[in-house]
C-alpha cells in the first residue's frame, strides 16, 4: 500500500507517492501562475480552477503507473491562509483566490 501527498503551494502543485517505508516512489509537479494587479501593488491572486486543474493533473500523471486501490490514504497541505469563495449552487469560484502573500 502507498500513501499519497498533495502539496498545493504558492508557485506549484505536487502529488507525491510514498511506499510503506516512507520512500518516495513517484511525483509530479505543475506550476501555477501568480496574478498581480497594477492598480493594487502587493496584491496576489490565483485562478481557483487552475489550482484544481494542476492538482488533478499531478495526481493523474503519477497514477498512470499505479492502481488507485493500492493507495491507502492521501494527505493534503496547502498555502496557509489563501482564500477562495465558491458558489454553493454551481460549485464555481466567485473570484480569484486571495493568496496569503497578499
C-alpha atoms as a PDB file:
ATOM      1  CA  UNK A   1       0.000   0.000   0.000  1.00  0.00           C
ATOM      2  CA  UNK A   2       1.086   3.540  -0.795  1.00  0.00           C
ATOM      3  CA  UNK A   3       0.391   6.914   0.785  1.00  0.00           C
ATOM      4  CA  UNK A   4      -0.067   9.983  -1.392  1.00  0.00           C
ATOM      5  CA  UNK A   5       0.587  13.621  -0.563  1.00  0.00           C
ATOM      6  CA  UNK A   6      -0.921  16.650  -2.280  1.00  0.00           C
ATOM      7  CA  UNK A   7       1.272  19.707  -1.788  1.00  0.00           C
ATOM      8  CA  UNK A   8      -0.570  22.729  -3.171  1.00  0.00           C
ATOM      9  CA  UNK A   9       1.778  25.690  -2.797  1.00  0.00           C
ATOM     10  CA  UNK A  10       2.168  29.284  -3.854  1.00  0.00           C
ATOM     11  CA  UNK A  11       4.011  28.578  -7.088  1.00  0.00           C
ATOM     12  CA  UNK A  12       3.080  24.976  -7.889  1.00  0.00           C
ATOM     13  CA  UNK A  13       1.062  21.903  -7.052  1.00  0.00           C
ATOM     14  CA  UNK A  14       2.635  18.493  -6.484  1.00  0.00           C
ATOM     15  CA  UNK A  15       1.500  14.950  -5.888  1.00  0.00           C
ATOM     16  CA  UNK A  16       3.963  12.552  -4.280  1.00  0.00           C
ATOM     17  CA  UNK A  17       3.506   8.836  -3.693  1.00  0.00           C
ATOM     18  CA  UNK A  18       5.349   7.071  -0.855  1.00  0.00           C
ATOM     19  CA  UNK A  19       5.872   3.349  -0.237  1.00  0.00           C
ATOM     20  CA  UNK A  20       5.234   1.707   3.180  1.00  0.00           C
ATOM     21  CA  UNK A  21       8.798   2.583   4.251  1.00  0.00           C
ATOM     22  CA  UNK A  22       8.294   6.290   3.534  1.00  0.00           C
ATOM     23  CA  UNK A  23      10.424   6.245   0.388  1.00  0.00           C
ATOM     24  CA  UNK A  24       9.245   8.492  -2.442  1.00  0.00           C
ATOM     25  CA  UNK A  25       8.352   6.295  -5.413  1.00  0.00           C
ATOM     26  CA  UNK A  26       6.765   8.833  -7.775  1.00  0.00           C
ATOM     27  CA  UNK A  27       5.922  12.515  -8.047  1.00  0.00           C
ATOM     28  CA  UNK A  28       4.590  15.115 -10.431  1.00  0.00           C
ATOM     29  CA  UNK A  29       4.661  18.908 -10.272  1.00  0.00           C
ATOM     30  CA  UNK A  30       2.680  21.585 -12.143  1.00  0.00           C
ATOM     31  CA  UNK A  31       3.428  25.293 -11.965  1.00  0.00           C
ATOM     32  CA  UNK A  32       0.645  27.785 -11.272  1.00  0.00           C
ATOM     33  CA  UNK A  33       0.562  31.453 -12.215  1.00  0.00           C
ATOM     34  CA  UNK A  34       0.566  34.312  -9.726  1.00  0.00           C
ATOM     35  CA  UNK A  35      -1.727  37.157 -10.791  1.00  0.00           C
ATOM     36  CA  UNK A  36      -0.638  40.666  -9.767  1.00  0.00           C
ATOM     37  CA  UNK A  37      -2.704  43.823 -10.127  1.00  0.00           C
ATOM     38  CA  UNK A  38      -1.081  47.048 -11.320  1.00  0.00           C
ATOM     39  CA  UNK A  39      -3.659  49.174  -9.521  1.00  0.00           C
ATOM     40  CA  UNK A  40      -3.067  47.346  -6.220  1.00  0.00           C
ATOM     41  CA  UNK A  41       0.658  46.698  -5.695  1.00  0.00           C
ATOM     42  CA  UNK A  42       1.286  43.763  -3.381  1.00  0.00           C
ATOM     43  CA  UNK A  43      -1.999  42.010  -4.174  1.00  0.00           C
ATOM     44  CA  UNK A  44      -1.519  38.406  -5.291  1.00  0.00           C
ATOM     45  CA  UNK A  45      -4.268  36.148  -6.650  1.00  0.00           C
ATOM     46  CA  UNK A  46      -4.593  32.650  -8.142  1.00  0.00           C
ATOM     47  CA  UNK A  47      -7.177  31.257 -10.506  1.00  0.00           C
ATOM     48  CA  UNK A  48      -9.008  28.650  -8.365  1.00  0.00           C
ATOM     49  CA  UNK A  49      -9.789  26.482 -11.381  1.00  0.00           C
ATOM     50  CA  UNK A  50      -6.080  26.465 -12.317  1.00  0.00           C
ATOM     51  CA  UNK A  51      -5.265  25.301  -8.773  1.00  0.00           C
ATOM     52  CA  UNK A  52      -7.801  22.470  -9.043  1.00  0.00           C
ATOM     53  CA  UNK A  53      -6.678  21.509 -12.533  1.00  0.00           C
ATOM     54  CA  UNK A  54      -2.990  21.459 -11.551  1.00  0.00           C
ATOM     55  CA  UNK A  55      -3.689  19.101  -8.630  1.00  0.00           C
ATOM     56  CA  UNK A  56      -5.788  16.815 -10.830  1.00  0.00           C
ATOM     57  CA  UNK A  57      -3.046  16.790 -13.480  1.00  0.00           C
ATOM     58  CA  UNK A  58      -0.364  15.843 -10.952  1.00  0.00           C
ATOM     59  CA  UNK A  59      -2.444  13.016  -9.490  1.00  0.00           C
ATOM     60  CA  UNK A  60      -3.303  11.684 -12.951  1.00  0.00           C
ATOM     61  CA  UNK A  61       0.331  11.767 -14.035  1.00  0.00           C
ATOM     62  CA  UNK A  62       1.552   9.770 -11.016  1.00  0.00           C
ATOM     63  CA  UNK A  63      -1.349   7.312 -11.084  1.00  0.00           C
ATOM     64  CA  UNK A  64      -0.624   6.264 -14.686  1.00  0.00           C
ATOM     65  CA  UNK A  65       1.824   3.784 -13.185  1.00  0.00           C
ATOM     66  CA  UNK A  66      -0.170   2.709 -10.115  1.00  0.00           C
ATOM     67  CA  UNK A  67      -3.637   1.402  -9.273  1.00  0.00           C
ATOM     68  CA  UNK A  68      -5.903   3.575  -7.124  1.00  0.00           C
ATOM     69  CA  UNK A  69      -6.776   0.649  -4.830  1.00  0.00           C
ATOM     70  CA  UNK A  70      -3.079   0.482  -3.890  1.00  0.00           C
ATOM     71  CA  UNK A  71      -3.269   3.943  -2.278  1.00  0.00           C
ATOM     72  CA  UNK A  72      -4.357   3.694   1.370  1.00  0.00           C
ATOM     73  CA  UNK A  73      -4.551   7.425   2.145  1.00  0.00           C
ATOM     74  CA  UNK A  74      -3.835  10.889   0.791  1.00  0.00           C
ATOM     75  CA  UNK A  75      -2.669  13.813   2.916  1.00  0.00           C
ATOM     76  CA  UNK A  76      -3.098  17.425   1.854  1.00  0.00           C
ATOM     77  CA  UNK A  77      -1.048  20.500   2.615  1.00  0.00           C
ATOM     78  CA  UNK A  78      -1.887  23.907   1.208  1.00  0.00           C
ATOM     79  CA  UNK A  79      -0.780  27.513   1.167  1.00  0.00           C
ATOM     80  CA  UNK A  80      -1.703  28.848   4.583  1.00  0.00           C
ATOM     81  CA  UNK A  81      -4.487  31.416   4.585  1.00  0.00           C
ATOM     82  CA  UNK A  82      -5.228  31.559   0.853  1.00  0.00           C
ATOM     83  CA  UNK A  83      -8.976  32.046   0.499  1.00  0.00           C
ATOM     84  CA  UNK A  84     -11.490  31.113  -2.214  1.00  0.00           C
ATOM     85  CA  UNK A  85     -15.223  31.750  -2.102  1.00  0.00           C
ATOM     86  CA  UNK A  86     -17.299  29.235  -4.086  1.00  0.00           C
ATOM     87  CA  UNK A  87     -20.885  29.496  -5.283  1.00  0.00           C
ATOM     88  CA  UNK A  88     -22.728  26.881  -3.227  1.00  0.00           C
ATOM     89  CA  UNK A  89     -25.142  26.079  -6.068  1.00  0.00           C
ATOM     90  CA  UNK A  90     -22.840  25.973  -9.086  1.00  0.00           C
ATOM     91  CA  UNK A  91     -19.564  24.983  -7.420  1.00  0.00           C
ATOM     92  CA  UNK A  92     -17.818  27.742  -9.365  1.00  0.00           C
ATOM     93  CA  UNK A  93     -15.481  30.276  -7.724  1.00  0.00           C
ATOM     94  CA  UNK A  94     -16.881  33.789  -7.287  1.00  0.00           C
ATOM     95  CA  UNK A  95     -13.450  35.388  -7.701  1.00  0.00           C
ATOM     96  CA  UNK A  96      -9.787  34.530  -7.884  1.00  0.00           C
ATOM     97  CA  UNK A  97      -8.207  33.132  -4.726  1.00  0.00           C
ATOM     98  CA  UNK A  98      -6.738  35.793  -2.451  1.00  0.00           C
ATOM     99  CA  UNK A  99      -3.250  34.457  -1.796  1.00  0.00           C
ATOM    100  CA  UNK A 100      -1.641  34.537   1.654  1.00  0.00           C
ATOM    101  CA  UNK A 101       1.125  36.788   0.234  1.00  0.00           C
ATOM    102  CA  UNK A 102      -1.485  39.496  -0.295  1.00  0.00           C
END
